[in-house]
């Protein structure tokens, strides 16, 4: 099963190819998918930061 990041990257690559083949008409799609990838990466790093802090601090009260 593919991760959200992998799915976003594949979709973004497809959108980039559409822009290359058919022009700027597909640019809004590319930009939207690019935002989704950044959002996905941001969520992942936030989870990583939270888990690192939890491990560093020990048990939660």
C-alpha atoms as a PDB file:
ATOM      1  CA  UNK A   1       0.000   0.000   0.000  1.00  0.00           C
ATOM      2  CA  UNK A   2       1.288   3.442  -0.892  1.00  0.00           C
ATOM      3  CA  UNK A   3       1.698   6.199   1.653  1.00  0.00           C
ATOM      4  CA  UNK A   4      -0.078   9.528   1.306  1.00  0.00           C
ATOM      5  CA  UNK A   5       3.249  11.081   0.386  1.00  0.00           C
ATOM      6  CA  UNK A   6       3.834   8.580  -2.414  1.00  0.00           C
ATOM      7  CA  UNK A   7       0.332   9.097  -3.778  1.00  0.00           C
ATOM      8  CA  UNK A   8       0.756  12.875  -3.703  1.00  0.00           C
ATOM      9  CA  UNK A   9       4.107  12.649  -5.468  1.00  0.00           C
ATOM     10  CA  UNK A  10       2.714  10.387  -8.212  1.00  0.00           C
ATOM     11  CA  UNK A  11      -0.268  12.669  -8.739  1.00  0.00           C
ATOM     12  CA  UNK A  12       2.017  15.715  -8.845  1.00  0.00           C
ATOM     13  CA  UNK A  13       4.236  14.040 -11.438  1.00  0.00           C
ATOM     14  CA  UNK A  14       1.160  13.266 -13.535  1.00  0.00           C
ATOM     15  CA  UNK A  15      -0.021  16.855 -13.284  1.00  0.00           C
ATOM     16  CA  UNK A  16       3.428  18.076 -14.321  1.00  0.00           C
ATOM     17  CA  UNK A  17       3.208  15.893 -17.403  1.00  0.00           C
ATOM     18  CA  UNK A  18      -0.213  17.345 -18.211  1.00  0.00           C
ATOM     19  CA  UNK A  19       1.238  20.852 -17.998  1.00  0.00           C
ATOM     20  CA  UNK A  20       4.070  19.797 -20.288  1.00  0.00           C
ATOM     21  CA  UNK A  21       1.735  18.180 -22.821  1.00  0.00           C
ATOM     22  CA  UNK A  22      -1.253  20.516 -22.741  1.00  0.00           C
ATOM     23  CA  UNK A  23       0.027  23.775 -21.323  1.00  0.00           C
ATOM     24  CA  UNK A  24      -0.911  26.141 -18.564  1.00  0.00           C
ATOM     25  CA  UNK A  25      -4.538  25.024 -18.540  1.00  0.00           C
ATOM     26  CA  UNK A  26      -3.460  22.301 -16.116  1.00  0.00           C
ATOM     27  CA  UNK A  27      -1.309  24.551 -13.941  1.00  0.00           C
ATOM     28  CA  UNK A  28      -4.029  25.033 -11.267  1.00  0.00           C
ATOM     29  CA  UNK A  29      -4.187  21.259 -10.836  1.00  0.00           C
ATOM     30  CA  UNK A  30      -0.412  21.084 -10.483  1.00  0.00           C
ATOM     31  CA  UNK A  31      -0.409  23.893  -7.906  1.00  0.00           C
ATOM     32  CA  UNK A  32      -3.183  22.272  -5.873  1.00  0.00           C
ATOM     33  CA  UNK A  33      -1.407  18.933  -5.796  1.00  0.00           C
ATOM     34  CA  UNK A  34       1.838  20.660  -4.865  1.00  0.00           C
ATOM     35  CA  UNK A  35       0.043  22.249  -1.888  1.00  0.00           C
ATOM     36  CA  UNK A  36      -1.329  18.866  -0.853  1.00  0.00           C
ATOM     37  CA  UNK A  37       2.144  17.329  -0.934  1.00  0.00           C
ATOM     38  CA  UNK A  38       3.524  20.150   1.220  1.00  0.00           C
ATOM     39  CA  UNK A  39       0.608  19.719   3.645  1.00  0.00           C
ATOM     40  CA  UNK A  40       1.216  15.964   3.827  1.00  0.00           C
ATOM     41  CA  UNK A  41       4.926  16.471   4.472  1.00  0.00           C
ATOM     42  CA  UNK A  42       4.176  19.113   7.109  1.00  0.00           C
ATOM     43  CA  UNK A  43       1.811  16.783   8.945  1.00  0.00           C
ATOM     44  CA  UNK A  44       4.365  14.010   8.893  1.00  0.00           C
ATOM     45  CA  UNK A  45       7.098  16.214  10.302  1.00  0.00           C
ATOM     46  CA  UNK A  46       4.706  17.521  12.973  1.00  0.00           C
ATOM     47  CA  UNK A  47       3.928  13.957  14.044  1.00  0.00           C
ATOM     48  CA  UNK A  48       7.649  13.153  14.066  1.00  0.00           C
ATOM     49  CA  UNK A  49       8.352  16.211  16.230  1.00  0.00           C
ATOM     50  CA  UNK A  50       5.556  15.327  18.652  1.00  0.00           C
ATOM     51  CA  UNK A  51       6.746  11.741  19.002  1.00  0.00           C
ATOM     52  CA  UNK A  52      10.343  12.830  19.537  1.00  0.00           C
ATOM     53  CA  UNK A  53       9.260  15.256  22.255  1.00  0.00           C
ATOM     54  CA  UNK A  54       7.082  12.598  23.912  1.00  0.00           C
ATOM     55  CA  UNK A  55       9.968  10.124  23.948  1.00  0.00           C
ATOM     56  CA  UNK A  56      12.358  12.711  25.309  1.00  0.00           C
ATOM     57  CA  UNK A  57       9.981  13.722  28.097  1.00  0.00           C
ATOM     58  CA  UNK A  58       9.045  10.230  29.176  1.00  0.00           C
ATOM     59  CA  UNK A  59       5.507   9.200  30.083  1.00  0.00           C
ATOM     60  CA  UNK A  60       2.599  11.566  29.731  1.00  0.00           C
ATOM     61  CA  UNK A  61       0.716  12.450  32.915  1.00  0.00           C
END
